[in-house]
């Protein structure tokens, strides 16, 4: 069971991480790993650092005020989805302008994990207020997003162990969960359409970033 840390300590560690992440040395990977483990361990209490900048912050953001980095530009042009969605999502993290592929992997999977976790909590909230046929559809979505969260957690484990071969597959599993949730509503209106679409978009980013480690990019 995770031991939650005071918010002030989390904020201090995050500021230290931002400083260290700009330095191209071996300590950077250690700080990357620790920061994301910390973010995941505090998710249920703080919704993954809602009160401080975090790589798993919400995907909504303003368009960057300066040109994207070459790496981000290359990744976003290969997502085969909205280029602006890709750029704005990645730039919601302050480290993106100087991120290498390793840091960008943490950022992209962090965004996807946050989306999936937040959506699962939202579905649970809707279930408490819904009766009738839609409740069955929401139960299916809760099950689907439980699978998405689990897959993205495994992706974090792979990143922490620097095992990259399954990253794209795990992102694909999470993306299919969004498809299955959307399909559960069939022809009826889904209250989760935007969240499903956002998770699929974030998972596409994760796949492209994953391929940077396997030579498929």
N, C-alpha and C. Protein backbone atom coordinates (compact mmCIF):
# COMPACT_ATOMS: atom_id res chain seq x y z
N UNK A 1 0.85 -1.19 0.00
CA UNK A 1 0.00 0.00 0.00
C UNK A 1 0.88 1.23 0.00
N UNK A 2 0.56 2.22 -0.85
CA UNK A 2 1.40 3.39 -0.97
C UNK A 2 1.24 4.27 0.26
N UNK A 3 2.34 4.89 0.70
CA UNK A 3 2.30 5.87 1.76
C UNK A 3 2.24 7.25 1.12
N UNK A 4 1.15 7.97 1.33
CA UNK A 4 1.00 9.25 0.68
C UNK A 4 1.88 10.30 1.33
N UNK A 5 2.43 11.21 0.52
CA UNK A 5 3.29 12.27 1.00
C UNK A 5 2.51 13.59 1.05
N UNK A 6 2.92 14.50 1.96
CA UNK A 6 2.27 15.82 2.01
C UNK A 6 2.40 16.52 0.67
N UNK A 7 1.39 17.32 0.32
CA UNK A 7 1.40 18.01 -0.96
C UNK A 7 2.59 18.94 -1.08
N UNK A 8 2.97 19.59 0.03
CA UNK A 8 4.11 20.51 -0.02
C UNK A 8 5.39 19.78 -0.38
N UNK A 9 5.56 18.55 0.11
CA UNK A 9 6.74 17.78 -0.21
C UNK A 9 6.72 17.35 -1.66
N UNK A 10 5.55 16.96 -2.16
CA UNK A 10 5.43 16.58 -3.56
C UNK A 10 5.79 17.76 -4.46
N UNK A 11 5.30 18.95 -4.11
CA UNK A 11 5.61 20.14 -4.89
C UNK A 11 7.10 20.43 -4.90
N UNK A 12 7.75 20.26 -3.75
CA UNK A 12 9.19 20.51 -3.67
C UNK A 12 9.97 19.52 -4.52
N UNK A 13 9.57 18.26 -4.47
CA UNK A 13 10.23 17.24 -5.29
C UNK A 13 10.02 17.50 -6.76
N UNK A 14 8.83 17.99 -7.12
CA UNK A 14 8.57 18.30 -8.52
C UNK A 14 9.49 19.42 -9.00
N UNK A 15 9.66 20.48 -8.18
CA UNK A 15 10.54 21.57 -8.58
C UNK A 15 11.97 21.08 -8.74
N UNK A 16 12.42 20.20 -7.84
CA UNK A 16 13.75 19.63 -7.96
C UNK A 16 13.87 18.83 -9.23
N UNK A 17 12.80 18.09 -9.58
CA UNK A 17 12.81 17.30 -10.80
C UNK A 17 12.96 18.17 -12.03
N UNK A 18 12.23 19.30 -12.07
CA UNK A 18 12.28 20.19 -13.23
C UNK A 18 13.71 20.68 -13.44
N UNK A 19 14.40 21.00 -12.35
CA UNK A 19 15.78 21.47 -12.44
C UNK A 19 16.69 20.37 -12.97
N UNK A 20 16.53 19.16 -12.40
CA UNK A 20 17.40 18.05 -12.78
C UNK A 20 17.13 17.57 -14.20
N UNK A 21 15.87 17.67 -14.64
CA UNK A 21 15.51 17.15 -15.97
C UNK A 21 16.18 17.93 -17.09
N UNK A 22 16.62 19.13 -16.80
CA UNK A 22 17.28 19.93 -17.82
C UNK A 22 18.75 19.57 -17.98
N UNK A 23 19.28 18.76 -17.08
CA UNK A 23 20.69 18.41 -17.11
C UNK A 23 20.90 17.09 -17.82
N UNK A 24 21.71 17.01 -18.87
CA UNK A 24 21.93 15.77 -19.62
C UNK A 24 22.92 14.85 -18.93
N UNK A 25 22.53 14.27 -17.82
CA UNK A 25 23.43 13.36 -17.12
C UNK A 25 22.68 12.12 -16.67
N UNK A 26 23.37 11.19 -16.06
CA UNK A 26 22.79 9.91 -15.70
C UNK A 26 21.72 10.04 -14.62
N UNK A 27 21.82 11.12 -13.81
CA UNK A 27 20.85 11.28 -12.75
C UNK A 27 19.46 11.59 -13.30
N UNK A 28 19.39 12.07 -14.55
CA UNK A 28 18.09 12.46 -15.10
C UNK A 28 17.12 11.29 -15.12
N UNK A 29 17.56 10.13 -15.57
CA UNK A 29 16.66 8.98 -15.64
C UNK A 29 16.14 8.60 -14.28
N UNK A 30 17.01 8.69 -13.26
CA UNK A 30 16.56 8.35 -11.92
C UNK A 30 15.46 9.31 -11.47
N UNK A 31 15.64 10.60 -11.74
CA UNK A 31 14.64 11.58 -11.35
C UNK A 31 13.35 11.40 -12.14
N UNK A 32 13.46 11.06 -13.42
CA UNK A 32 12.28 10.80 -14.25
C UNK A 32 11.47 9.67 -13.64
N UNK A 33 12.13 8.57 -13.33
CA UNK A 33 11.43 7.41 -12.78
C UNK A 33 10.77 7.76 -11.45
N UNK A 34 11.53 8.43 -10.55
CA UNK A 34 10.99 8.70 -9.22
C UNK A 34 9.79 9.63 -9.30
N UNK A 35 9.87 10.65 -10.15
CA UNK A 35 8.78 11.60 -10.26
C UNK A 35 7.50 10.93 -10.73
N UNK A 36 7.58 10.02 -11.69
CA UNK A 36 6.38 9.37 -12.21
C UNK A 36 5.85 8.32 -11.25
N UNK A 37 6.72 7.64 -10.54
CA UNK A 37 6.25 6.71 -9.50
C UNK A 37 5.50 7.49 -8.43
N UNK A 38 6.05 8.66 -8.06
CA UNK A 38 5.40 9.51 -7.08
C UNK A 38 4.04 9.97 -7.56
N UNK A 39 3.96 10.34 -8.84
CA UNK A 39 2.70 10.82 -9.41
C UNK A 39 1.64 9.71 -9.38
N UNK A 40 2.04 8.49 -9.73
CA UNK A 40 1.09 7.39 -9.73
C UNK A 40 0.67 7.03 -8.31
N UNK A 41 1.59 7.07 -7.36
CA UNK A 41 1.28 6.66 -5.99
C UNK A 41 0.34 7.63 -5.30
N UNK A 42 0.28 8.87 -5.75
CA UNK A 42 -0.58 9.86 -5.13
C UNK A 42 -1.84 10.13 -5.93
N UNK A 43 -2.10 9.35 -6.98
CA UNK A 43 -3.22 9.63 -7.87
C UNK A 43 -4.55 9.62 -7.15
N UNK A 44 -4.82 8.60 -6.34
CA UNK A 44 -6.13 8.49 -5.72
C UNK A 44 -6.39 9.59 -4.71
N UNK A 45 -5.33 10.19 -4.15
CA UNK A 45 -5.53 11.24 -3.16
C UNK A 45 -5.60 12.61 -3.80
N UNK A 46 -4.72 12.87 -4.75
CA UNK A 46 -4.64 14.20 -5.36
C UNK A 46 -5.04 14.22 -6.82
N UNK A 47 -5.60 13.12 -7.36
CA UNK A 47 -5.89 13.00 -8.79
C UNK A 47 -4.65 13.36 -9.60
N UNK A 48 -3.55 12.71 -9.19
CA UNK A 48 -2.27 12.84 -9.89
C UNK A 48 -1.81 14.29 -9.97
N UNK A 49 -1.68 14.91 -8.79
CA UNK A 49 -1.05 16.23 -8.68
C UNK A 49 -1.86 17.32 -9.38
N UNK A 50 -3.14 17.39 -9.12
CA UNK A 50 -3.96 18.40 -9.77
C UNK A 50 -3.53 19.81 -9.40
N UNK A 51 -2.88 19.98 -8.24
CA UNK A 51 -2.58 21.31 -7.77
C UNK A 51 -1.18 21.78 -8.12
N UNK A 52 -0.38 20.93 -8.75
CA UNK A 52 0.95 21.34 -9.17
C UNK A 52 1.20 20.85 -10.58
N UNK A 53 2.11 21.50 -11.33
CA UNK A 53 2.41 21.01 -12.67
C UNK A 53 2.91 19.58 -12.62
N UNK A 54 2.43 18.76 -13.52
CA UNK A 54 2.78 17.35 -13.48
C UNK A 54 2.66 16.77 -14.88
N UNK A 55 3.52 15.80 -15.25
CA UNK A 55 3.40 15.22 -16.57
C UNK A 55 2.10 14.50 -16.81
N UNK A 56 1.37 14.19 -15.73
CA UNK A 56 0.07 13.56 -15.92
C UNK A 56 -1.03 14.56 -15.66
N UNK A 57 -0.81 15.82 -16.02
CA UNK A 57 -1.83 16.85 -15.89
C UNK A 57 -2.87 16.68 -16.99
N UNK A 58 -3.98 17.41 -16.87
CA UNK A 58 -5.03 17.31 -17.88
C UNK A 58 -4.51 17.69 -19.25
N UNK A 59 -5.11 17.12 -20.27
CA UNK A 59 -4.59 17.32 -21.61
C UNK A 59 -4.99 18.65 -22.23
N UNK A 60 -5.92 19.35 -21.60
CA UNK A 60 -6.32 20.63 -22.16
C UNK A 60 -5.26 21.67 -21.86
N UNK A 61 -4.85 22.44 -22.87
CA UNK A 61 -3.82 23.45 -22.68
C UNK A 61 -3.89 24.43 -23.83
N UNK A 62 -3.18 25.53 -23.68
CA UNK A 62 -3.11 26.48 -24.77
C UNK A 62 -2.04 26.04 -25.75
N UNK A 63 -2.15 26.50 -26.97
CA UNK A 63 -1.17 26.16 -27.99
C UNK A 63 0.18 26.74 -27.61
N UNK A 64 1.27 26.00 -27.76
CA UNK A 64 2.57 26.52 -27.38
C UNK A 64 2.89 27.84 -28.09
N UNK A 65 3.57 28.73 -27.38
CA UNK A 65 3.86 30.05 -27.92
C UNK A 65 5.12 30.06 -28.77
N UNK A 66 5.83 28.95 -28.83
CA UNK A 66 7.04 28.88 -29.64
C UNK A 66 7.00 27.61 -30.48
N UNK A 67 7.82 27.52 -31.50
CA UNK A 67 7.81 26.31 -32.34
C UNK A 67 8.08 25.05 -31.53
N UNK A 68 7.50 23.94 -31.96
CA UNK A 68 7.72 22.69 -31.26
C UNK A 68 9.14 22.20 -31.48
N UNK A 69 9.59 21.34 -30.56
CA UNK A 69 10.90 20.73 -30.75
C UNK A 69 10.84 19.80 -31.96
N UNK A 70 11.99 19.49 -32.51
CA UNK A 70 12.03 18.59 -33.67
C UNK A 70 11.46 17.23 -33.33
N UNK A 71 11.72 16.77 -32.11
CA UNK A 71 11.23 15.45 -31.71
C UNK A 71 9.70 15.45 -31.62
N UNK A 72 9.14 16.46 -30.96
CA UNK A 72 7.69 16.54 -30.83
C UNK A 72 7.04 16.70 -32.21
N UNK A 73 7.62 17.53 -33.04
CA UNK A 73 7.08 17.72 -34.39
C UNK A 73 7.07 16.40 -35.16
N UNK A 74 8.16 15.64 -35.07
CA UNK A 74 8.25 14.37 -35.78
C UNK A 74 7.23 13.37 -35.25
N UNK A 75 7.08 13.33 -33.92
CA UNK A 75 6.12 12.40 -33.31
C UNK A 75 4.70 12.75 -33.72
N UNK A 76 4.35 14.03 -33.59
CA UNK A 76 2.97 14.44 -33.84
C UNK A 76 2.57 14.30 -35.30
N UNK A 77 3.53 14.38 -36.21
CA UNK A 77 3.21 14.20 -37.63
C UNK A 77 2.96 12.72 -37.97
N UNK A 78 3.30 11.83 -37.06
CA UNK A 78 3.11 10.40 -37.30
C UNK A 78 1.94 9.80 -36.53
N UNK A 79 1.21 10.64 -35.82
CA UNK A 79 0.11 10.09 -35.02
C UNK A 79 -1.14 9.81 -35.85
N UNK A 80 -1.20 10.36 -37.05
CA UNK A 80 -2.35 10.17 -37.94
C UNK A 80 -3.66 10.59 -37.26
N UNK A 81 -3.55 11.57 -36.39
CA UNK A 81 -4.73 12.17 -35.76
C UNK A 81 -4.53 13.67 -35.78
N UNK A 82 -5.13 14.38 -34.90
CA UNK A 82 -5.01 15.83 -34.88
C UNK A 82 -3.60 16.25 -34.44
N UNK A 83 -2.90 16.93 -35.32
CA UNK A 83 -1.56 17.42 -34.99
C UNK A 83 -1.62 18.37 -33.81
N UNK A 84 -2.61 19.27 -33.82
CA UNK A 84 -2.71 20.25 -32.73
C UNK A 84 -3.02 19.57 -31.40
N UNK A 85 -3.87 18.52 -31.43
CA UNK A 85 -4.16 17.78 -30.19
C UNK A 85 -2.88 17.17 -29.63
N UNK A 86 -2.08 16.59 -30.51
CA UNK A 86 -0.83 15.97 -30.09
C UNK A 86 0.11 16.99 -29.46
N UNK A 87 0.31 18.10 -30.15
CA UNK A 87 1.24 19.13 -29.67
C UNK A 87 0.75 19.72 -28.35
N UNK A 88 -0.51 20.08 -28.31
CA UNK A 88 -1.05 20.71 -27.10
C UNK A 88 -1.03 19.75 -25.91
N UNK A 89 -1.29 18.48 -26.17
CA UNK A 89 -1.25 17.50 -25.09
C UNK A 89 0.16 17.36 -24.53
N UNK A 90 1.13 17.19 -25.41
CA UNK A 90 2.50 17.01 -24.94
C UNK A 90 3.03 18.27 -24.27
N UNK A 91 2.65 19.43 -24.78
CA UNK A 91 3.15 20.67 -24.22
C UNK A 91 2.43 21.07 -22.93
N UNK A 92 1.48 20.26 -22.47
CA UNK A 92 0.92 20.50 -21.15
C UNK A 92 1.93 20.15 -20.06
N UNK A 93 3.01 19.48 -20.43
CA UNK A 93 4.11 19.19 -19.50
C UNK A 93 5.26 20.17 -19.76
N UNK A 94 5.77 20.81 -18.73
CA UNK A 94 6.81 21.84 -18.93
C UNK A 94 8.14 21.30 -19.42
N UNK A 95 8.35 19.99 -19.35
CA UNK A 95 9.63 19.44 -19.80
C UNK A 95 9.67 19.13 -21.28
N UNK A 96 8.52 19.19 -21.94
CA UNK A 96 8.44 18.75 -23.33
C UNK A 96 9.40 19.48 -24.27
N UNK A 97 9.57 20.80 -24.17
CA UNK A 97 10.45 21.47 -25.14
C UNK A 97 11.86 20.92 -25.19
N UNK A 98 12.38 20.39 -24.09
CA UNK A 98 13.75 19.88 -24.06
C UNK A 98 13.80 18.36 -23.85
N UNK A 99 12.65 17.69 -23.96
CA UNK A 99 12.59 16.26 -23.66
C UNK A 99 13.29 15.43 -24.72
N UNK A 100 14.03 14.40 -24.28
CA UNK A 100 14.52 13.39 -25.20
C UNK A 100 13.46 12.30 -25.30
N UNK A 101 13.73 11.25 -26.04
CA UNK A 101 12.70 10.23 -26.26
C UNK A 101 12.30 9.54 -24.97
N UNK A 102 13.25 9.39 -24.06
CA UNK A 102 12.97 8.71 -22.80
C UNK A 102 11.99 9.52 -21.96
N UNK A 103 12.26 10.81 -21.79
CA UNK A 103 11.37 11.68 -21.02
C UNK A 103 10.03 11.81 -21.73
N UNK A 104 10.05 11.91 -23.06
CA UNK A 104 8.81 12.03 -23.81
C UNK A 104 7.93 10.79 -23.65
N UNK A 105 8.55 9.64 -23.49
CA UNK A 105 7.78 8.41 -23.25
C UNK A 105 7.03 8.51 -21.92
N UNK A 106 7.71 8.99 -20.88
CA UNK A 106 7.05 9.17 -19.60
C UNK A 106 5.92 10.18 -19.70
N UNK A 107 6.16 11.26 -20.42
CA UNK A 107 5.14 12.29 -20.57
C UNK A 107 3.90 11.73 -21.27
N UNK A 108 4.10 11.07 -22.40
CA UNK A 108 2.96 10.58 -23.19
C UNK A 108 2.19 9.50 -22.45
N UNK A 109 2.88 8.54 -21.84
CA UNK A 109 2.18 7.50 -21.09
C UNK A 109 1.55 8.07 -19.82
N UNK A 110 2.18 9.11 -19.25
CA UNK A 110 1.58 9.76 -18.09
C UNK A 110 0.26 10.42 -18.43
N UNK A 111 0.21 11.08 -19.57
CA UNK A 111 -1.03 11.71 -20.01
C UNK A 111 -2.12 10.67 -20.26
N UNK A 112 -1.75 9.58 -20.91
CA UNK A 112 -2.73 8.52 -21.19
C UNK A 112 -3.22 7.88 -19.89
N UNK A 113 -2.30 7.64 -18.96
CA UNK A 113 -2.68 7.05 -17.68
C UNK A 113 -3.63 7.96 -16.92
N UNK A 114 -3.33 9.25 -16.91
CA UNK A 114 -4.19 10.20 -16.21
C UNK A 114 -5.59 10.22 -16.83
N UNK A 115 -5.64 10.23 -18.16
CA UNK A 115 -6.93 10.23 -18.85
C UNK A 115 -7.74 8.99 -18.48
N UNK A 116 -7.10 7.83 -18.56
CA UNK A 116 -7.80 6.58 -18.28
C UNK A 116 -8.28 6.52 -16.84
N UNK A 117 -7.43 6.93 -15.90
CA UNK A 117 -7.79 6.89 -14.49
C UNK A 117 -8.92 7.87 -14.18
N UNK A 118 -8.82 9.08 -14.74
CA UNK A 118 -9.85 10.08 -14.52
C UNK A 118 -11.18 9.63 -15.11
N UNK A 119 -11.14 9.05 -16.29
CA UNK A 119 -12.36 8.56 -16.92
C UNK A 119 -12.99 7.44 -16.10
N UNK A 120 -12.17 6.55 -15.58
CA UNK A 120 -12.70 5.46 -14.76
C UNK A 120 -13.41 6.02 -13.52
N UNK A 121 -12.81 7.03 -12.89
CA UNK A 121 -13.46 7.65 -11.74
C UNK A 121 -14.76 8.34 -12.15
N UNK A 122 -14.75 8.96 -13.32
CA UNK A 122 -15.95 9.62 -13.82
C UNK A 122 -17.06 8.61 -14.09
N UNK A 123 -16.71 7.47 -14.66
CA UNK A 123 -17.70 6.42 -14.92
C UNK A 123 -18.30 5.93 -13.61
N UNK A 124 -17.45 5.74 -12.59
CA UNK A 124 -17.95 5.30 -11.29
C UNK A 124 -18.94 6.32 -10.72
N UNK A 125 -18.65 7.60 -10.93
CA UNK A 125 -19.56 8.65 -10.47
C UNK A 125 -20.89 8.58 -11.22
N UNK A 126 -20.82 8.38 -12.53
CA UNK A 126 -22.04 8.28 -13.32
C UNK A 126 -22.88 7.06 -12.92
N UNK A 127 -22.21 5.98 -12.59
CA UNK A 127 -22.92 4.76 -12.19
C UNK A 127 -23.78 4.99 -10.95
N UNK A 128 -23.29 5.83 -10.07
CA UNK A 128 -24.03 6.11 -8.83
C UNK A 128 -25.29 6.94 -9.08
N UNK A 129 -25.37 7.57 -10.27
CA UNK A 129 -26.51 8.44 -10.57
C UNK A 129 -27.40 7.89 -11.68
N UNK A 130 -27.04 6.75 -12.24
CA UNK A 130 -27.72 6.25 -13.43
C UNK A 130 -28.51 4.98 -13.12
N UNK A 131 -29.67 4.87 -13.75
CA UNK A 131 -30.49 3.66 -13.64
C UNK A 131 -30.89 3.24 -15.05
N UNK A 132 -31.36 2.01 -15.17
CA UNK A 132 -31.85 1.53 -16.46
C UNK A 132 -30.76 0.98 -17.35
N UNK A 133 -31.04 1.00 -18.66
CA UNK A 133 -30.15 0.35 -19.62
C UNK A 133 -28.77 0.98 -19.65
N UNK A 134 -28.68 2.30 -19.46
CA UNK A 134 -27.38 2.95 -19.54
C UNK A 134 -26.43 2.49 -18.44
N UNK A 135 -27.00 2.00 -17.34
CA UNK A 135 -26.14 1.52 -16.27
C UNK A 135 -25.32 0.32 -16.73
N UNK A 136 -25.93 -0.56 -17.54
CA UNK A 136 -25.20 -1.70 -18.07
C UNK A 136 -24.07 -1.24 -18.99
N UNK A 137 -24.34 -0.21 -19.78
CA UNK A 137 -23.32 0.32 -20.67
C UNK A 137 -22.17 0.94 -19.88
N UNK A 138 -22.50 1.64 -18.82
CA UNK A 138 -21.46 2.25 -17.99
C UNK A 138 -20.64 1.20 -17.25
N UNK A 139 -21.28 0.12 -16.86
CA UNK A 139 -20.54 -0.97 -16.21
C UNK A 139 -19.52 -1.57 -17.17
N UNK A 140 -19.95 -1.70 -18.43
CA UNK A 140 -19.01 -2.20 -19.45
C UNK A 140 -17.84 -1.24 -19.59
N UNK A 141 -18.12 0.05 -19.62
CA UNK A 141 -17.06 1.04 -19.75
C UNK A 141 -16.12 1.03 -18.54
N UNK A 142 -16.69 0.84 -17.36
CA UNK A 142 -15.84 0.78 -16.16
C UNK A 142 -14.88 -0.39 -16.27
N UNK A 143 -15.39 -1.52 -16.75
CA UNK A 143 -14.55 -2.70 -16.95
C UNK A 143 -13.48 -2.42 -18.02
N UNK A 144 -13.88 -1.77 -19.10
CA UNK A 144 -12.93 -1.45 -20.17
C UNK A 144 -11.81 -0.54 -19.66
N UNK A 145 -12.18 0.47 -18.91
CA UNK A 145 -11.17 1.41 -18.43
C UNK A 145 -10.31 0.82 -17.32
N UNK A 146 -10.84 -0.14 -16.62
CA UNK A 146 -10.00 -0.85 -15.67
C UNK A 146 -8.87 -1.56 -16.40
N UNK A 147 -9.20 -2.14 -17.57
CA UNK A 147 -8.19 -2.78 -18.40
C UNK A 147 -7.20 -1.78 -18.95
N UNK A 148 -7.69 -0.59 -19.34
CA UNK A 148 -6.80 0.45 -19.86
C UNK A 148 -5.82 0.92 -18.80
N UNK A 149 -6.32 1.16 -17.60
CA UNK A 149 -5.45 1.60 -16.51
C UNK A 149 -4.39 0.54 -16.21
N UNK A 150 -4.80 -0.71 -16.19
CA UNK A 150 -3.85 -1.80 -15.90
C UNK A 150 -2.77 -1.88 -16.98
N UNK A 151 -3.17 -1.74 -18.24
CA UNK A 151 -2.20 -1.81 -19.34
C UNK A 151 -1.20 -0.66 -19.26
N UNK A 152 -1.69 0.53 -18.95
CA UNK A 152 -0.79 1.69 -18.87
C UNK A 152 0.10 1.62 -17.64
N UNK A 153 -0.38 1.00 -16.58
CA UNK A 153 0.47 0.77 -15.41
C UNK A 153 1.61 -0.18 -15.77
N UNK A 154 1.31 -1.21 -16.54
CA UNK A 154 2.36 -2.13 -16.99
C UNK A 154 3.37 -1.40 -17.88
N UNK A 155 2.87 -0.45 -18.68
CA UNK A 155 3.78 0.34 -19.51
C UNK A 155 4.75 1.13 -18.64
N UNK A 156 4.26 1.68 -17.54
CA UNK A 156 5.14 2.38 -16.62
C UNK A 156 6.20 1.45 -16.06
N UNK A 157 5.78 0.25 -15.71
CA UNK A 157 6.74 -0.73 -15.19
C UNK A 157 7.82 -1.02 -16.24
N UNK A 158 7.40 -1.13 -17.50
CA UNK A 158 8.37 -1.37 -18.57
C UNK A 158 9.33 -0.19 -18.72
N UNK A 159 8.81 1.01 -18.64
CA UNK A 159 9.68 2.18 -18.73
C UNK A 159 10.68 2.22 -17.58
N UNK A 160 10.20 1.92 -16.38
CA UNK A 160 11.09 1.95 -15.23
C UNK A 160 12.20 0.92 -15.33
N UNK A 161 11.91 -0.21 -15.96
CA UNK A 161 12.92 -1.26 -16.13
C UNK A 161 13.65 -1.13 -17.46
N UNK A 162 13.33 -0.05 -18.21
CA UNK A 162 13.94 0.20 -19.52
C UNK A 162 13.72 -0.98 -20.47
N UNK A 163 12.51 -1.55 -20.38
CA UNK A 163 12.08 -2.60 -21.30
C UNK A 163 11.02 -1.98 -22.21
N UNK A 164 11.33 -1.84 -23.47
CA UNK A 164 10.50 -1.03 -24.35
C UNK A 164 9.68 -1.82 -25.38
N UNK A 165 9.91 -3.12 -25.49
CA UNK A 165 9.31 -3.88 -26.58
C UNK A 165 7.79 -3.97 -26.51
N UNK A 166 7.22 -3.93 -25.32
CA UNK A 166 5.78 -4.10 -25.17
C UNK A 166 5.03 -2.77 -25.05
N UNK A 167 5.73 -1.66 -25.08
CA UNK A 167 5.09 -0.37 -24.86
C UNK A 167 3.98 -0.11 -25.88
N UNK A 168 4.27 -0.30 -27.15
CA UNK A 168 3.28 -0.04 -28.20
C UNK A 168 2.07 -0.95 -28.05
N UNK A 169 2.31 -2.23 -27.73
CA UNK A 169 1.19 -3.16 -27.56
C UNK A 169 0.30 -2.76 -26.40
N UNK A 170 0.91 -2.32 -25.30
CA UNK A 170 0.14 -1.92 -24.13
C UNK A 170 -0.67 -0.65 -24.42
N UNK A 171 -0.08 0.26 -25.18
CA UNK A 171 -0.84 1.44 -25.59
C UNK A 171 -2.01 1.04 -26.48
N UNK A 172 -1.80 0.03 -27.32
CA UNK A 172 -2.88 -0.47 -28.16
C UNK A 172 -4.00 -1.07 -27.37
N UNK A 173 -3.67 -1.78 -26.29
CA UNK A 173 -4.69 -2.37 -25.42
C UNK A 173 -5.56 -1.26 -24.81
N UNK A 174 -4.91 -0.20 -24.36
CA UNK A 174 -5.66 0.91 -23.77
C UNK A 174 -6.55 1.59 -24.81
N UNK A 175 -6.04 1.72 -26.03
CA UNK A 175 -6.83 2.33 -27.10
C UNK A 175 -8.05 1.49 -27.44
N UNK A 176 -7.89 0.18 -27.49
CA UNK A 176 -9.02 -0.71 -27.77
C UNK A 176 -10.07 -0.65 -26.67
N UNK A 177 -9.63 -0.39 -25.44
CA UNK A 177 -10.58 -0.25 -24.33
C UNK A 177 -11.50 0.93 -24.58
N UNK A 178 -10.94 2.03 -25.11
CA UNK A 178 -11.76 3.20 -25.43
C UNK A 178 -12.74 2.86 -26.55
N UNK A 179 -12.29 2.10 -27.54
CA UNK A 179 -13.18 1.67 -28.62
C UNK A 179 -14.33 0.82 -28.08
N UNK A 180 -13.99 -0.11 -27.19
CA UNK A 180 -15.01 -1.01 -26.64
C UNK A 180 -16.03 -0.24 -25.81
N UNK A 181 -15.56 0.74 -25.08
CA UNK A 181 -16.47 1.56 -24.28
C UNK A 181 -17.43 2.32 -25.19
N UNK A 182 -16.88 2.91 -26.24
CA UNK A 182 -17.74 3.65 -27.17
C UNK A 182 -18.75 2.73 -27.85
N UNK A 183 -18.29 1.54 -28.20
CA UNK A 183 -19.17 0.58 -28.88
C UNK A 183 -20.28 0.07 -27.96
N UNK A 184 -20.05 0.12 -26.66
CA UNK A 184 -21.07 -0.37 -25.72
C UNK A 184 -22.35 0.44 -25.82
N UNK A 185 -22.25 1.69 -26.24
CA UNK A 185 -23.43 2.53 -26.35
C UNK A 185 -24.14 2.37 -27.69
N UNK A 186 -23.48 1.66 -28.61
CA UNK A 186 -24.09 1.34 -29.90
C UNK A 186 -24.60 2.61 -30.57
N UNK A 187 -25.90 2.69 -30.81
CA UNK A 187 -26.45 3.86 -31.51
C UNK A 187 -26.92 4.94 -30.54
N UNK A 188 -26.87 4.67 -29.25
CA UNK A 188 -27.32 5.67 -28.28
C UNK A 188 -26.21 6.67 -28.02
N UNK A 189 -26.59 7.80 -27.48
CA UNK A 189 -25.62 8.86 -27.19
C UNK A 189 -24.74 8.45 -26.01
N UNK A 190 -23.44 8.63 -26.16
CA UNK A 190 -22.50 8.26 -25.11
C UNK A 190 -22.01 9.50 -24.36
N UNK A 191 -22.06 9.49 -23.04
CA UNK A 191 -21.54 10.61 -22.26
C UNK A 191 -20.01 10.60 -22.18
N UNK A 192 -19.40 9.60 -22.79
CA UNK A 192 -17.95 9.43 -22.68
C UNK A 192 -17.24 9.59 -24.02
N UNK A 193 -17.95 10.09 -25.02
CA UNK A 193 -17.37 10.17 -26.36
C UNK A 193 -16.07 10.95 -26.38
N UNK A 194 -16.04 12.13 -25.77
CA UNK A 194 -14.83 12.94 -25.80
C UNK A 194 -13.68 12.26 -25.05
N UNK A 195 -13.96 11.68 -23.89
CA UNK A 195 -12.92 11.01 -23.12
C UNK A 195 -12.37 9.82 -23.88
N UNK A 196 -13.26 9.07 -24.55
CA UNK A 196 -12.81 7.93 -25.36
C UNK A 196 -11.92 8.42 -26.51
N UNK A 197 -12.36 9.48 -27.17
CA UNK A 197 -11.58 10.02 -28.29
C UNK A 197 -10.22 10.54 -27.81
N UNK A 198 -10.19 11.20 -26.66
CA UNK A 198 -8.93 11.72 -26.15
C UNK A 198 -7.97 10.59 -25.78
N UNK A 199 -8.50 9.53 -25.16
CA UNK A 199 -7.61 8.41 -24.80
C UNK A 199 -7.04 7.77 -26.06
N UNK A 200 -7.87 7.60 -27.09
CA UNK A 200 -7.35 7.03 -28.33
C UNK A 200 -6.26 7.92 -28.93
N UNK A 201 -6.48 9.23 -28.90
CA UNK A 201 -5.48 10.14 -29.42
C UNK A 201 -4.18 10.08 -28.63
N UNK A 202 -4.28 10.01 -27.32
CA UNK A 202 -3.08 9.93 -26.47
C UNK A 202 -2.36 8.59 -26.67
N UNK A 203 -3.13 7.53 -26.86
CA UNK A 203 -2.51 6.23 -27.09
C UNK A 203 -1.78 6.18 -28.43
N UNK A 204 -2.30 6.89 -29.44
CA UNK A 204 -1.59 6.98 -30.71
C UNK A 204 -0.23 7.66 -30.52
N UNK A 205 -0.21 8.70 -29.69
CA UNK A 205 1.06 9.36 -29.38
C UNK A 205 2.00 8.37 -28.70
N UNK A 206 1.47 7.60 -27.75
CA UNK A 206 2.29 6.62 -27.03
C UNK A 206 2.89 5.59 -27.98
N UNK A 207 2.10 5.15 -28.96
CA UNK A 207 2.60 4.15 -29.91
C UNK A 207 3.77 4.72 -30.71
N UNK A 208 3.61 5.94 -31.21
CA UNK A 208 4.69 6.56 -32.00
C UNK A 208 5.94 6.73 -31.16
N UNK A 209 5.78 7.21 -29.93
CA UNK A 209 6.94 7.38 -29.05
C UNK A 209 7.57 6.02 -28.74
N UNK A 210 6.74 5.01 -28.52
CA UNK A 210 7.27 3.66 -28.25
C UNK A 210 8.13 3.16 -29.38
N UNK A 211 7.72 3.47 -30.61
CA UNK A 211 8.47 3.01 -31.77
C UNK A 211 9.85 3.67 -31.89
N UNK A 212 10.05 4.78 -31.17
CA UNK A 212 11.37 5.41 -31.17
C UNK A 212 12.42 4.49 -30.56
N UNK A 213 11.98 3.56 -29.73
CA UNK A 213 12.92 2.66 -29.05
C UNK A 213 13.09 1.34 -29.79
N UNK A 214 12.27 1.08 -30.79
CA UNK A 214 12.33 -0.22 -31.48
C UNK A 214 12.74 -0.09 -32.93
N UNK A 215 13.00 1.12 -33.37
CA UNK A 215 13.41 1.33 -34.76
C UNK A 215 12.28 1.33 -35.74
N UNK A 216 11.03 1.36 -35.27
CA UNK A 216 9.89 1.35 -36.15
C UNK A 216 9.38 2.74 -36.48
N UNK A 217 9.90 3.73 -35.79
CA UNK A 217 9.44 5.11 -36.00
C UNK A 217 9.87 5.63 -37.36
